[in-house]
Structure formats: C-alpha cells, structure tokens
Amino acid sequence: MAEHRIPSKKSIYYLPKETFLTVVHYCKQYPEWEAELKTMEDPRKAVAYDQDRVQTSCDSDSTSAFAMRRLELSKKKDTVDRVAQHVAGDLWHWLILGVCHDNPYHYLSHRGIPCGKDVYYLLRRKFYFEMAQKI
C-alpha cells in the first residue's frame, strides 16, 4: 500500500488522521466489492430438481441473504462512484483507478490521464474530504 500524506490543518480539506485513514481503507475495499459482485452466484441455481423430490440447501432464506449482501455492496460501490463523479467530473474514472486501486500518479500518467499532477492531487484530497462526509 502506498504511503499517504495526512492533509495539514491549514488545508481546506483537512481531516483528522483517524478519519482520513478510515476513508483511505474504506476506498481500498472497492476492488473487493467489484470482484464479489461479479462472482456472486444466485442461490436459486443451487436447487437440484429430481423427478420424485426437490433438494435445496439448509439455509431457508439464502435468497434474501444474497439480495441483502448484493444491495450492501452495490450501495458502497455506488457511493464511491457518485462522490468521484461529483468531485472529478470526467476524470472520475482516473480518480477511482488512483484512489481505490492504489495506482500512483506516475502510473496514471503513463496510461494517459488528461490532467497534471497538481490537479489530480487536489481532486484526490477533495475526494477524501467528501467521502468522509458520506461514510
């Protein structure tokens, strides 16, 4: 994990150290949420049909548990996406790549980010500040 500088108290985007690190680690979970949403299997597929009987899993409410977990992950992911879109506009995808996927600016610049280092870091500070208000 890359080292993060805590914004100073003079910054308009100042956050206490614990709050800042909470937001950073919350955003680092984004790739896990994406992967879990892509690989979640519908529990209704677990039902095996036979001519004489129907077999299901022991969990009688697996469909609702599946739906609740999927809703929880989708809400978290959407919150991060919406804040990134609000803060960065057209650059939101780049912000997600940098903040959530832990890619440094020089990696993004090699991939073609259409802004300078100062603008990116300003957007990133603002993103962390606004995410702290949402979570």
Protein backbone atom coordinates (compact mmCIF):
# COMPACT_ATOMS: atom_id res chain seq x y z
CA MET A 1 0.00 0.00 0.00
CA ALA A 2 1.29 3.43 -0.89
CA GLU A 3 2.08 5.87 1.88
CA HIS A 4 -0.48 8.65 2.25
CA ARG A 5 0.17 12.15 3.49
CA ILE A 6 -2.36 13.35 6.01
CA PRO A 7 -3.70 16.79 4.95
CA SER A 8 -2.41 19.57 7.20
CA LYS A 9 -4.68 21.62 9.44
CA LYS A 10 -4.14 24.59 7.10
CA SER A 11 -5.78 22.74 4.21
CA ILE A 12 -9.43 23.37 3.37
CA TYR A 13 -9.72 19.57 3.02
CA TYR A 14 -8.29 18.83 6.47
CA LEU A 15 -9.38 15.60 8.14
CA PRO A 16 -8.20 14.19 11.47
CA LYS A 17 -5.69 11.38 10.98
CA GLU A 18 -8.05 8.59 12.08
CA THR A 19 -10.87 9.83 9.83
CA PHE A 20 -8.51 10.19 6.88
CA LEU A 21 -7.16 6.66 7.30
CA THR A 22 -10.70 5.29 7.69
CA VAL A 23 -11.66 6.82 4.34
CA VAL A 24 -8.49 5.55 2.66
CA HIS A 25 -9.04 2.00 3.86
CA TYR A 26 -12.74 2.13 3.02
CA CYS A 27 -11.89 3.05 -0.57
CA LYS A 28 -9.23 0.31 -0.79
CA GLN A 29 -12.04 -2.24 -0.44
CA TYR A 30 -13.61 -1.09 -3.74
CA PRO A 31 -11.85 -3.75 -5.91
CA GLU A 32 -13.01 -6.46 -3.49
CA TRP A 33 -16.59 -5.22 -3.76
CA GLU A 34 -16.38 -5.25 -7.58
CA ALA A 35 -14.95 -8.76 -7.63
CA GLU A 36 -17.53 -10.09 -5.18
CA LEU A 37 -20.40 -8.53 -7.13
CA LYS A 38 -19.12 -10.14 -10.34
CA THR A 39 -18.62 -13.57 -8.81
CA MET A 40 -21.73 -13.80 -6.62
CA GLU A 41 -23.82 -16.75 -7.69
CA ASP A 42 -27.55 -16.67 -7.49
CA PRO A 43 -28.68 -19.09 -4.74
CA ARG A 44 -31.66 -20.13 -6.83
CA LYS A 45 -29.23 -22.05 -9.04
CA ALA A 46 -28.40 -24.30 -6.07
CA VAL A 47 -31.76 -26.05 -6.28
CA ALA A 48 -31.50 -29.54 -7.76
CA TYR A 49 -34.63 -31.00 -9.31
CA ASP A 50 -35.36 -34.68 -9.39
CA GLN A 51 -38.49 -36.43 -10.56
CA ASP A 52 -39.51 -37.52 -7.06
CA ARG A 53 -38.06 -34.81 -4.82
CA VAL A 54 -36.63 -31.32 -4.64
CA GLN A 55 -33.34 -30.70 -2.83
CA THR A 56 -32.32 -27.32 -1.54
CA SER A 57 -29.63 -26.02 0.72
CA CYS A 58 -30.10 -25.91 4.51
CA ASP A 59 -30.37 -22.13 4.54
CA SER A 60 -34.06 -21.43 4.11
CA ASP A 61 -33.55 -17.74 3.42
CA SER A 62 -30.46 -17.79 1.21
CA THR A 63 -32.16 -15.74 -1.49
CA SER A 64 -32.84 -12.82 0.81
CA ALA A 65 -29.33 -13.05 2.32
CA PHE A 66 -27.93 -12.98 -1.21
CA ALA A 67 -30.07 -9.98 -2.13
CA MET A 68 -29.13 -8.08 1.04
CA ARG A 69 -25.40 -8.69 0.54
CA ARG A 70 -25.63 -7.65 -3.09
CA LEU A 71 -27.54 -4.49 -2.11
CA GLU A 72 -24.97 -3.63 0.57
CA LEU A 73 -22.04 -4.00 -1.84
CA SER A 74 -23.83 -2.07 -4.57
CA LYS A 75 -24.60 0.82 -2.22
CA LYS A 76 -20.98 1.06 -1.08
CA LYS A 77 -19.67 0.95 -4.63
CA ASP A 78 -22.24 3.47 -5.85
CA THR A 79 -21.37 5.87 -3.03
CA VAL A 80 -17.71 5.86 -4.04
CA ASP A 81 -18.63 6.25 -7.72
CA ARG A 82 -21.05 9.12 -7.08
CA VAL A 83 -18.58 11.05 -4.91
CA ALA A 84 -15.84 10.55 -7.51
CA GLN A 85 -18.16 11.78 -10.29
CA HIS A 86 -19.20 14.79 -8.21
CA VAL A 87 -15.61 15.73 -7.34
CA ALA A 88 -13.78 14.94 -10.58
CA GLY A 89 -16.41 15.13 -13.33
CA ASP A 90 -14.97 13.50 -16.44
CA LEU A 91 -11.84 12.43 -14.55
CA TRP A 92 -13.77 10.26 -12.07
CA HIS A 93 -12.57 7.01 -13.63
CA TRP A 94 -8.96 8.12 -13.20
CA LEU A 95 -9.65 9.07 -9.61
CA ILE A 96 -11.10 5.61 -8.92
CA LEU A 97 -8.03 3.99 -10.50
CA GLY A 98 -5.72 6.04 -8.34
CA VAL A 99 -7.57 6.07 -5.03
CA CYS A 100 -9.30 2.69 -4.95
CA HIS A 101 -6.90 0.57 -6.96
CA ASP A 102 -3.83 2.13 -5.29
CA ASN A 103 -2.20 3.35 -8.51
CA PRO A 104 0.26 6.26 -8.12
CA TYR A 105 0.12 9.32 -10.34
CA HIS A 106 3.10 8.28 -12.47
CA TYR A 107 1.28 5.04 -13.37
CA LEU A 108 -1.81 7.05 -14.36
CA SER A 109 0.30 9.47 -16.40
CA HIS A 110 1.73 6.54 -18.39
CA ARG A 111 -1.82 5.37 -19.02
CA GLY A 112 -2.79 8.84 -20.32
CA ILE A 113 -4.50 10.76 -17.52
CA PRO A 114 -5.60 14.10 -19.07
CA CYS A 115 -4.56 16.34 -16.17
CA GLY A 116 -1.46 17.39 -14.31
CA LYS A 117 -0.15 16.13 -11.01
CA ASP A 118 -1.32 19.18 -9.04
CA VAL A 119 -4.90 18.93 -10.34
CA TYR A 120 -5.02 15.19 -9.64
CA TYR A 121 -3.77 15.57 -6.07
CA LEU A 122 -6.23 18.40 -5.43
CA LEU A 123 -9.09 16.24 -6.69
CA ARG A 124 -7.88 13.35 -4.55
CA ARG A 125 -7.81 15.50 -1.39
CA LYS A 126 -11.29 16.81 -2.15
CA PHE A 127 -12.50 13.25 -2.80
CA TYR A 128 -11.23 12.03 0.57
CA PHE A 129 -12.82 15.03 2.29
CA GLU A 130 -16.22 14.44 0.68
CA MET A 131 -16.07 10.67 1.24
CA ALA A 132 -15.53 11.33 4.94
CA GLN A 133 -18.84 13.22 4.94
CA LYS A 134 -20.67 10.29 3.26
CA ILE A 135 -19.49 7.32 5.32
